[in-house]
Amino acid sequence: MQRFLKVYGRVLEFLAAHRCAAAGLCTANLALAAIGFLEPMLFGHVIQGLSDSSPSSAILLAWAGLGLLSILASIATSLLADRLAHRLRLHVMGLAYAHVLRLPPACYARYPNGGLMKTLSTGTDEMFGMWLGLFRDHLSTALCLAGLLPIALFLNPALGAVLVVLALV
């Protein structure tokens, strides 16, 4: 586990050069997590309105608007995360190729550069996948779980406990 955290930390160190874009994506993921909280609550109001008589049009419009905003924000966040991850991948690949070119000739005799280049290319592809997964899925999911579990326990302790058990499983 410690090795995983060390590798993950080294991969995230490359974000330092693009900290403004990374902070923007973190903020966008926080907004997506907030939308993830609000949408079920509005849906509950819609269902409550259906069971009483009929839901007000304001609640229906707010729920539909929030759903549309969620879709558009997810698309924008995914696009920006893809662009940042690709930019970082190209930067790291350039650094890797520059490193290979600076190696002494004796290193090429011991390790053929084709295998070395394949290793570096595979590594940058994996880093790309880590950055993309972080900004597209993992961060908003972690924020949503970190906020959703306490809110669920506060609103309805019995169903919140079921949610906690399901999250742990």
N, C-alpha and C. Protein backbone atom coordinates (compact mmCIF):
# COMPACT_ATOMS: atom_id res chain seq x y z
N MET A 1 0.83 -1.19 0.00
CA MET A 1 0.00 0.00 0.00
C MET A 1 0.87 1.26 0.00
N GLN A 2 1.97 1.19 0.78
CA GLN A 2 2.86 2.34 0.83
C GLN A 2 3.51 2.59 -0.53
N ARG A 3 3.83 1.52 -1.23
CA ARG A 3 4.43 1.66 -2.56
C ARG A 3 3.43 2.29 -3.53
N PHE A 4 2.16 1.87 -3.43
CA PHE A 4 1.11 2.43 -4.28
C PHE A 4 0.97 3.93 -4.02
N LEU A 5 0.93 4.33 -2.75
CA LEU A 5 0.80 5.75 -2.42
C LEU A 5 2.01 6.55 -2.89
N LYS A 6 3.20 5.94 -2.83
CA LYS A 6 4.40 6.62 -3.29
C LYS A 6 4.34 6.84 -4.81
N VAL A 7 3.94 5.82 -5.55
CA VAL A 7 3.82 5.95 -7.01
C VAL A 7 2.73 6.95 -7.36
N TYR A 8 1.60 6.87 -6.68
CA TYR A 8 0.49 7.79 -6.95
C TYR A 8 0.91 9.22 -6.65
N GLY A 9 1.67 9.41 -5.57
CA GLY A 9 2.18 10.74 -5.24
C GLY A 9 3.13 11.28 -6.30
N ARG A 10 4.00 10.41 -6.81
CA ARG A 10 4.92 10.85 -7.86
C ARG A 10 4.19 11.22 -9.14
N VAL A 11 3.12 10.47 -9.45
CA VAL A 11 2.33 10.78 -10.64
C VAL A 11 1.62 12.13 -10.45
N LEU A 12 1.13 12.38 -9.24
CA LEU A 12 0.43 13.64 -8.98
C LEU A 12 1.38 14.84 -8.92
N GLU A 13 2.67 14.59 -8.68
CA GLU A 13 3.65 15.68 -8.67
C GLU A 13 3.73 16.38 -10.02
N PHE A 14 3.44 15.67 -11.08
CA PHE A 14 3.50 16.29 -12.41
C PHE A 14 2.38 17.31 -12.59
N LEU A 15 1.37 17.28 -11.73
CA LEU A 15 0.29 18.27 -11.81
C LEU A 15 0.72 19.64 -11.31
N ALA A 16 1.87 19.72 -10.63
CA ALA A 16 2.31 20.99 -10.06
C ALA A 16 2.46 22.07 -11.13
N ALA A 17 2.92 21.70 -12.31
CA ALA A 17 3.09 22.68 -13.38
C ALA A 17 1.75 23.18 -13.91
N HIS A 18 0.70 22.40 -13.71
CA HIS A 18 -0.64 22.76 -14.20
C HIS A 18 -1.60 22.87 -13.02
N ARG A 19 -1.14 23.49 -11.94
CA ARG A 19 -1.95 23.50 -10.72
C ARG A 19 -3.24 24.30 -10.87
N CYS A 20 -3.25 25.33 -11.71
CA CYS A 20 -4.49 26.10 -11.89
C CYS A 20 -5.55 25.25 -12.59
N ALA A 21 -5.15 24.54 -13.64
CA ALA A 21 -6.10 23.67 -14.34
C ALA A 21 -6.55 22.53 -13.44
N ALA A 22 -5.64 21.99 -12.66
CA ALA A 22 -6.00 20.89 -11.74
C ALA A 22 -6.94 21.40 -10.65
N ALA A 23 -6.69 22.60 -10.15
CA ALA A 23 -7.58 23.17 -9.13
C ALA A 23 -8.96 23.44 -9.72
N GLY A 24 -9.01 23.88 -10.96
CA GLY A 24 -10.30 24.09 -11.63
C GLY A 24 -11.06 22.78 -11.79
N LEU A 25 -10.35 21.72 -12.15
CA LEU A 25 -11.01 20.42 -12.28
C LEU A 25 -11.46 19.89 -10.92
N CYS A 26 -10.69 20.14 -9.88
CA CYS A 26 -11.11 19.72 -8.54
C CYS A 26 -12.37 20.48 -8.12
N THR A 27 -12.43 21.77 -8.43
CA THR A 27 -13.61 22.56 -8.13
C THR A 27 -14.82 22.06 -8.93
N ALA A 28 -14.60 21.74 -10.20
CA ALA A 28 -15.69 21.20 -11.01
C ALA A 28 -16.18 19.86 -10.46
N ASN A 29 -15.27 19.04 -9.99
CA ASN A 29 -15.67 17.77 -9.38
C ASN A 29 -16.43 17.99 -8.08
N LEU A 30 -16.05 19.02 -7.33
CA LEU A 30 -16.78 19.36 -6.12
C LEU A 30 -18.20 19.82 -6.47
N ALA A 31 -18.33 20.59 -7.55
CA ALA A 31 -19.66 21.02 -8.00
C ALA A 31 -20.49 19.81 -8.46
N LEU A 32 -19.86 18.86 -9.14
CA LEU A 32 -20.58 17.65 -9.56
C LEU A 32 -21.03 16.85 -8.35
N ALA A 33 -20.20 16.82 -7.31
CA ALA A 33 -20.60 16.11 -6.09
C ALA A 33 -21.77 16.83 -5.43
N ALA A 34 -21.77 18.16 -5.45
CA ALA A 34 -22.88 18.92 -4.88
C ALA A 34 -24.17 18.66 -5.66
N ILE A 35 -24.05 18.59 -6.97
CA ILE A 35 -25.22 18.27 -7.79
C ILE A 35 -25.71 16.86 -7.46
N GLY A 36 -24.77 15.97 -7.20
CA GLY A 36 -25.14 14.61 -6.81
C GLY A 36 -25.92 14.57 -5.50
N PHE A 37 -25.69 15.56 -4.61
CA PHE A 37 -26.48 15.64 -3.38
C PHE A 37 -27.85 16.23 -3.65
N LEU A 38 -27.89 17.29 -4.45
CA LEU A 38 -29.14 18.02 -4.64
C LEU A 38 -30.16 17.26 -5.48
N GLU A 39 -29.68 16.53 -6.47
CA GLU A 39 -30.60 15.86 -7.38
C GLU A 39 -31.50 14.84 -6.68
N PRO A 40 -30.98 13.96 -5.83
CA PRO A 40 -31.89 13.03 -5.13
C PRO A 40 -32.85 13.73 -4.17
N MET A 41 -32.40 14.85 -3.58
CA MET A 41 -33.28 15.57 -2.67
C MET A 41 -34.45 16.19 -3.44
N LEU A 42 -34.15 16.78 -4.61
CA LEU A 42 -35.23 17.33 -5.44
C LEU A 42 -36.14 16.22 -5.95
N PHE A 43 -35.55 15.09 -6.29
CA PHE A 43 -36.35 13.95 -6.75
C PHE A 43 -37.30 13.49 -5.64
N GLY A 44 -36.82 13.52 -4.40
CA GLY A 44 -37.68 13.18 -3.28
C GLY A 44 -38.85 14.14 -3.15
N HIS A 45 -38.59 15.42 -3.41
CA HIS A 45 -39.69 16.40 -3.38
C HIS A 45 -40.68 16.15 -4.51
N VAL A 46 -40.18 15.76 -5.68
CA VAL A 46 -41.07 15.43 -6.80
C VAL A 46 -41.94 14.23 -6.44
N ILE A 47 -41.35 13.19 -5.88
CA ILE A 47 -42.11 12.00 -5.49
C ILE A 47 -43.11 12.35 -4.38
N GLN A 48 -42.68 13.19 -3.44
CA GLN A 48 -43.60 13.61 -2.38
C GLN A 48 -44.78 14.38 -2.97
N GLY A 49 -44.52 15.23 -3.94
CA GLY A 49 -45.59 15.96 -4.62
C GLY A 49 -46.53 15.04 -5.38
N LEU A 50 -45.98 13.99 -5.98
CA LEU A 50 -46.83 13.02 -6.69
C LEU A 50 -47.73 12.25 -5.72
N SER A 51 -47.21 11.95 -4.56
CA SER A 51 -48.02 11.19 -3.60
C SER A 51 -49.08 12.07 -2.94
N ASP A 52 -48.81 13.36 -2.77
CA ASP A 52 -49.81 14.26 -2.17
C ASP A 52 -50.90 14.60 -3.17
N SER A 53 -50.56 15.27 -4.20
CA SER A 53 -51.53 15.61 -5.26
C SER A 53 -50.81 15.70 -6.59
N SER A 54 -50.11 16.79 -6.79
CA SER A 54 -49.28 16.93 -7.99
C SER A 54 -48.13 17.84 -7.64
N PRO A 55 -46.94 17.52 -8.12
CA PRO A 55 -45.79 18.36 -7.78
C PRO A 55 -45.90 19.72 -8.45
N SER A 56 -45.36 20.73 -7.78
CA SER A 56 -45.39 22.06 -8.36
C SER A 56 -44.47 22.11 -9.57
N SER A 57 -44.81 22.96 -10.50
CA SER A 57 -44.01 23.05 -11.72
C SER A 57 -42.62 23.60 -11.43
N ALA A 58 -42.48 24.41 -10.37
CA ALA A 58 -41.17 24.95 -10.03
C ALA A 58 -40.21 23.84 -9.62
N ILE A 59 -40.71 22.89 -8.84
CA ILE A 59 -39.85 21.78 -8.40
C ILE A 59 -39.50 20.90 -9.59
N LEU A 60 -40.47 20.65 -10.47
CA LEU A 60 -40.18 19.85 -11.67
C LEU A 60 -39.16 20.52 -12.56
N LEU A 61 -39.30 21.83 -12.76
CA LEU A 61 -38.35 22.57 -13.59
C LEU A 61 -36.96 22.60 -12.94
N ALA A 62 -36.93 22.77 -11.62
CA ALA A 62 -35.64 22.78 -10.92
C ALA A 62 -34.96 21.42 -11.04
N TRP A 63 -35.74 20.35 -10.89
CA TRP A 63 -35.19 19.00 -11.00
C TRP A 63 -34.67 18.74 -12.42
N ALA A 64 -35.46 19.13 -13.44
CA ALA A 64 -35.04 18.93 -14.83
C ALA A 64 -33.81 19.79 -15.14
N GLY A 65 -33.81 21.03 -14.66
CA GLY A 65 -32.66 21.91 -14.90
C GLY A 65 -31.40 21.40 -14.23
N LEU A 66 -31.54 20.87 -13.02
CA LEU A 66 -30.39 20.32 -12.32
C LEU A 66 -29.86 19.08 -13.03
N GLY A 67 -30.77 18.26 -13.55
CA GLY A 67 -30.34 17.09 -14.32
C GLY A 67 -29.58 17.50 -15.57
N LEU A 68 -30.09 18.51 -16.28
CA LEU A 68 -29.41 19.01 -17.48
C LEU A 68 -28.06 19.62 -17.13
N LEU A 69 -28.03 20.38 -16.04
CA LEU A 69 -26.77 20.96 -15.59
C LEU A 69 -25.76 19.88 -15.23
N SER A 70 -26.23 18.81 -14.61
CA SER A 70 -25.36 17.69 -14.26
C SER A 70 -24.76 17.05 -15.50
N ILE A 71 -25.58 16.85 -16.52
CA ILE A 71 -25.09 16.24 -17.76
C ILE A 71 -24.06 17.15 -18.42
N LEU A 72 -24.36 18.43 -18.54
CA LEU A 72 -23.45 19.36 -19.20
C LEU A 72 -22.15 19.54 -18.39
N ALA A 73 -22.26 19.59 -17.08
CA ALA A 73 -21.06 19.74 -16.25
C ALA A 73 -20.19 18.49 -16.34
N SER A 74 -20.80 17.32 -16.40
CA SER A 74 -20.03 16.08 -16.54
C SER A 74 -19.29 16.04 -17.87
N ILE A 75 -19.96 16.47 -18.93
CA ILE A 75 -19.32 16.50 -20.25
C ILE A 75 -18.14 17.47 -20.25
N ALA A 76 -18.37 18.67 -19.70
CA ALA A 76 -17.30 19.67 -19.68
C ALA A 76 -16.12 19.21 -18.83
N THR A 77 -16.41 18.63 -17.68
CA THR A 77 -15.34 18.14 -16.80
C THR A 77 -14.56 17.02 -17.47
N SER A 78 -15.26 16.12 -18.13
CA SER A 78 -14.57 15.02 -18.81
C SER A 78 -13.69 15.53 -19.94
N LEU A 79 -14.19 16.49 -20.70
CA LEU A 79 -13.41 17.05 -21.80
C LEU A 79 -12.16 17.76 -21.28
N LEU A 80 -12.33 18.59 -20.25
CA LEU A 80 -11.17 19.30 -19.70
C LEU A 80 -10.18 18.34 -19.04
N ALA A 81 -10.69 17.30 -18.39
CA ALA A 81 -9.80 16.31 -17.78
C ALA A 81 -9.01 15.57 -18.85
N ASP A 82 -9.67 15.25 -19.97
CA ASP A 82 -8.98 14.57 -21.07
C ASP A 82 -7.89 15.47 -21.65
N ARG A 83 -8.19 16.73 -21.83
CA ARG A 83 -7.19 17.65 -22.39
C ARG A 83 -6.00 17.82 -21.45
N LEU A 84 -6.26 17.95 -20.14
CA LEU A 84 -5.16 18.10 -19.19
C LEU A 84 -4.33 16.83 -19.12
N ALA A 85 -4.98 15.68 -19.07
CA ALA A 85 -4.24 14.42 -18.99
C ALA A 85 -3.40 14.21 -20.26
N HIS A 86 -3.95 14.56 -21.41
CA HIS A 86 -3.19 14.41 -22.66
C HIS A 86 -1.99 15.37 -22.67
N ARG A 87 -2.20 16.59 -22.21
CA ARG A 87 -1.11 17.56 -22.15
C ARG A 87 0.00 17.06 -21.22
N LEU A 88 -0.39 16.52 -20.07
CA LEU A 88 0.59 15.97 -19.14
C LEU A 88 1.30 14.75 -19.72
N ARG A 89 0.56 13.92 -20.43
CA ARG A 89 1.16 12.73 -21.05
C ARG A 89 2.23 13.14 -22.06
N LEU A 90 1.94 14.14 -22.88
CA LEU A 90 2.93 14.59 -23.86
C LEU A 90 4.16 15.20 -23.16
N HIS A 91 3.92 15.93 -22.08
CA HIS A 91 5.04 16.52 -21.35
C HIS A 91 5.94 15.44 -20.75
N VAL A 92 5.33 14.45 -20.10
CA VAL A 92 6.10 13.38 -19.47
C VAL A 92 6.80 12.54 -20.53
N MET A 93 6.15 12.30 -21.66
CA MET A 93 6.78 11.54 -22.73
C MET A 93 7.98 12.29 -23.28
N GLY A 94 7.87 13.60 -23.40
CA GLY A 94 9.01 14.40 -23.84
C GLY A 94 10.17 14.32 -22.86
N LEU A 95 9.85 14.38 -21.57
CA LEU A 95 10.91 14.24 -20.56
C LEU A 95 11.56 12.86 -20.62
N ALA A 96 10.75 11.83 -20.85
CA ALA A 96 11.27 10.46 -20.91
C ALA A 96 12.18 10.30 -22.13
N TYR A 97 11.78 10.80 -23.27
CA TYR A 97 12.61 10.68 -24.47
C TYR A 97 13.90 11.48 -24.31
N ALA A 98 13.82 12.66 -23.68
CA ALA A 98 15.04 13.44 -23.43
C ALA A 98 15.98 12.67 -22.50
N HIS A 99 15.41 11.98 -21.53
CA HIS A 99 16.23 11.18 -20.62
C HIS A 99 16.92 10.04 -21.36
N VAL A 100 16.19 9.38 -22.25
CA VAL A 100 16.76 8.27 -23.01
C VAL A 100 17.89 8.78 -23.91
N LEU A 101 17.73 9.94 -24.49
CA LEU A 101 18.76 10.49 -25.37
C LEU A 101 20.01 10.91 -24.61
N ARG A 102 19.88 11.22 -23.33
CA ARG A 102 21.04 11.62 -22.53
C ARG A 102 21.78 10.43 -21.92
N LEU A 103 21.26 9.23 -22.06
CA LEU A 103 21.92 8.06 -21.48
C LEU A 103 23.26 7.81 -22.17
N PRO A 104 24.23 7.30 -21.43
CA PRO A 104 25.53 7.01 -22.05
C PRO A 104 25.42 5.82 -23.00
N PRO A 105 26.31 5.73 -23.98
CA PRO A 105 26.26 4.63 -24.94
C PRO A 105 26.37 3.25 -24.31
N ALA A 106 27.06 3.14 -23.19
CA ALA A 106 27.20 1.84 -22.53
C ALA A 106 25.84 1.31 -22.06
N CYS A 107 24.95 2.21 -21.73
CA CYS A 107 23.60 1.80 -21.28
C CYS A 107 22.84 1.15 -22.43
N TYR A 108 23.06 1.64 -23.66
CA TYR A 108 22.37 1.05 -24.81
C TYR A 108 22.88 -0.36 -25.11
N ALA A 109 24.13 -0.63 -24.76
CA ALA A 109 24.68 -1.97 -24.97
C ALA A 109 24.05 -2.96 -23.99
N ARG A 110 23.82 -2.51 -22.76
CA ARG A 110 23.22 -3.40 -21.75
C ARG A 110 21.72 -3.56 -21.94
N TYR A 111 21.04 -2.46 -22.21
CA TYR A 111 19.58 -2.48 -22.36
C TYR A 111 19.23 -1.94 -23.74
N PRO A 112 18.75 -2.76 -24.61
CA PRO A 112 18.37 -2.26 -25.94
C PRO A 112 17.30 -1.17 -25.79
N ASN A 113 17.44 -0.12 -26.59
CA ASN A 113 16.55 1.02 -26.39
C ASN A 113 15.11 0.74 -26.83
N GLY A 114 14.88 -0.29 -27.62
CA GLY A 114 13.51 -0.61 -27.99
C GLY A 114 12.69 -1.02 -26.79
N GLY A 115 13.28 -1.84 -25.91
CA GLY A 115 12.58 -2.25 -24.69
C GLY A 115 12.42 -1.08 -23.73
N LEU A 116 13.45 -0.23 -23.67
CA LEU A 116 13.39 0.93 -22.81
C LEU A 116 12.31 1.90 -23.28
N MET A 117 12.23 2.11 -24.58
CA MET A 117 11.21 3.01 -25.13
C MET A 117 9.81 2.45 -24.92
N LYS A 118 9.66 1.13 -25.03
CA LYS A 118 8.36 0.52 -24.80
C LYS A 118 7.95 0.68 -23.34
N THR A 119 8.89 0.51 -22.43
CA THR A 119 8.61 0.68 -21.01
C THR A 119 8.20 2.12 -20.71
N LEU A 120 8.92 3.07 -21.27
CA LEU A 120 8.59 4.47 -21.04
C LEU A 120 7.24 4.83 -21.65
N SER A 121 6.96 4.32 -22.82
CA SER A 121 5.66 4.58 -23.46
C SER A 121 4.52 3.97 -22.66
N THR A 122 4.71 2.75 -22.17
CA THR A 122 3.69 2.11 -21.35
C THR A 122 3.49 2.86 -20.05
N GLY A 123 4.57 3.34 -19.47
CA GLY A 123 4.47 4.11 -18.23
C GLY A 123 3.70 5.40 -18.41
N THR A 124 3.97 6.12 -19.50
CA THR A 124 3.23 7.36 -19.74
C THR A 124 1.75 7.08 -20.04
N ASP A 125 1.47 5.97 -20.70
CA ASP A 125 0.07 5.59 -20.92
C ASP A 125 -0.65 5.30 -19.60
N GLU A 126 0.03 4.64 -18.70
CA GLU A 126 -0.56 4.35 -17.39
C GLU A 126 -0.76 5.62 -16.57
N MET A 127 0.19 6.54 -16.66
CA MET A 127 0.04 7.82 -15.98
C MET A 127 -1.14 8.58 -16.54
N PHE A 128 -1.30 8.55 -17.85
CA PHE A 128 -2.45 9.18 -18.50
C PHE A 128 -3.75 8.60 -17.95
N GLY A 129 -3.80 7.29 -17.82
CA GLY A 129 -4.99 6.64 -17.29
C GLY A 129 -5.27 7.03 -15.84
N MET A 130 -4.21 7.19 -15.05
CA MET A 130 -4.39 7.60 -13.65
C MET A 130 -4.93 9.02 -13.56
N TRP A 131 -4.36 9.95 -14.34
CA TRP A 131 -4.84 11.33 -14.31
C TRP A 131 -6.28 11.41 -14.80
N LEU A 132 -6.55 10.72 -15.88
CA LEU A 132 -7.89 10.77 -16.46
C LEU A 132 -8.92 10.16 -15.51
N GLY A 133 -8.59 9.02 -14.93
CA GLY A 133 -9.50 8.38 -13.97
C GLY A 133 -9.73 9.24 -12.74
N LEU A 134 -8.67 9.91 -12.28
CA LEU A 134 -8.80 10.76 -11.11
C LEU A 134 -9.79 11.89 -11.37
N PHE A 135 -9.59 12.62 -12.46
CA PHE A 135 -10.41 13.80 -12.70
C PHE A 135 -11.77 13.49 -13.29
N ARG A 136 -11.92 12.36 -13.95
CA ARG A 136 -13.23 12.03 -14.52
C ARG A 136 -14.14 11.35 -13.51
N ASP A 137 -13.62 10.41 -12.76
CA ASP A 137 -14.48 9.57 -11.93
C ASP A 137 -14.13 9.58 -10.46
N HIS A 138 -12.90 9.30 -10.13
CA HIS A 138 -12.53 8.99 -8.76
C HIS A 138 -12.73 10.15 -7.80
N LEU A 139 -12.36 11.36 -8.21
CA LEU A 139 -12.44 12.50 -7.31
C LEU A 139 -13.89 12.85 -6.98
N SER A 140 -14.74 12.93 -7.99
CA SER A 140 -16.14 13.27 -7.72
C SER A 140 -16.83 12.16 -6.93
N THR A 141 -16.49 10.92 -7.18
CA THR A 141 -17.07 9.81 -6.42
C THR A 141 -16.62 9.86 -4.97
N ALA A 142 -15.36 10.13 -4.72
CA ALA A 142 -14.87 10.21 -3.35
C ALA A 142 -15.51 11.38 -2.61
N LEU A 143 -15.62 12.52 -3.29
CA LEU A 143 -16.26 13.68 -2.65
C LEU A 143 -17.73 13.40 -2.37
N CYS A 144 -18.39 12.74 -3.30
CA CYS A 144 -19.80 12.42 -3.13
C CYS A 144 -19.99 11.46 -1.95
N LEU A 145 -19.16 10.45 -1.86
CA LEU A 145 -19.27 9.50 -0.74
C LEU A 145 -18.93 10.17 0.59
N ALA A 146 -17.92 11.03 0.58
CA ALA A 146 -17.52 11.69 1.82
C ALA A 146 -18.61 12.62 2.33
N GLY A 147 -19.39 13.18 1.44
CA GLY A 147 -20.48 14.05 1.87
C GLY A 147 -21.81 13.34 1.98
N LEU A 148 -22.02 12.36 1.15
CA LEU A 148 -23.33 11.69 1.10
C LEU A 148 -23.58 10.84 2.33
N LEU A 149 -22.58 10.15 2.81
CA LEU A 149 -22.78 9.27 3.97
C LEU A 149 -23.20 10.05 5.22
N PRO A 150 -22.50 11.14 5.58
CA PRO A 150 -22.96 11.88 6.76
C PRO A 150 -24.34 12.52 6.58
N ILE A 151 -24.63 13.02 5.38
CA ILE A 151 -25.94 13.62 5.13
C ILE A 151 -27.03 12.56 5.21
N ALA A 152 -26.77 11.39 4.66
CA ALA A 152 -27.75 10.31 4.72
C ALA A 152 -28.00 9.87 6.16
N LEU A 153 -26.94 9.80 6.95
CA LEU A 153 -27.10 9.44 8.36
C LEU A 153 -27.87 10.51 9.13
N PHE A 154 -27.70 11.77 8.75
CA PHE A 154 -28.41 12.86 9.42
C PHE A 154 -29.89 12.88 9.04
N LEU A 155 -30.18 12.70 7.75
CA LEU A 155 -31.57 12.77 7.29
C LEU A 155 -32.40 11.57 7.73
N ASN A 156 -31.83 10.37 7.61
CA ASN A 156 -32.56 9.17 7.98
C ASN A 156 -31.55 8.15 8.51
N PRO A 157 -31.40 8.07 9.82
CA PRO A 157 -30.35 7.21 10.39
C PRO A 157 -30.48 5.73 9.99
N ALA A 158 -31.69 5.23 9.88
CA ALA A 158 -31.86 3.81 9.57
C ALA A 158 -31.41 3.52 8.14
N LEU A 159 -31.90 4.29 7.18
CA LEU A 159 -31.48 4.08 5.79
C LEU A 159 -30.03 4.52 5.57
N GLY A 160 -29.57 5.50 6.33
CA GLY A 160 -28.17 5.90 6.24
C GLY A 160 -27.24 4.80 6.69
N ALA A 161 -27.65 4.05 7.72
CA ALA A 161 -26.83 2.92 8.18
C ALA A 161 -26.77 1.84 7.12
N VAL A 162 -27.90 1.62 6.41
CA VAL A 162 -27.90 0.65 5.31
C VAL A 162 -26.94 1.11 4.21
N LEU A 163 -26.93 2.40 3.92
CA LEU A 163 -26.02 2.95 2.91
C LEU A 163 -24.56 2.78 3.32
N VAL A 164 -24.27 2.99 4.60
CA VAL A 164 -22.90 2.81 5.08
C VAL A 164 -22.47 1.35 4.94
N VAL A 165 -23.36 0.45 5.31
CA VAL A 165 -23.05 -0.99 5.18
C VAL A 165 -22.81 -1.35 3.71
N LEU A 166 -23.65 -0.85 2.82
CA LEU A 166 -23.47 -1.13 1.39
C LEU A 166 -22.17 -0.53 0.87
N ALA A 167 -21.81 0.65 1.33
CA ALA A 167 -20.55 1.27 0.90
C ALA A 167 -19.36 0.46 1.39
N LEU A 168 -19.45 -0.09 2.60
CA LEU A 168 -18.35 -0.88 3.12
C LEU A 168 -18.22 -2.22 2.40
N VAL A 169 -19.35 -2.78 1.99
CA VAL A 169 -19.32 -4.06 1.27
C VAL A 169 -18.73 -3.81 -0.09
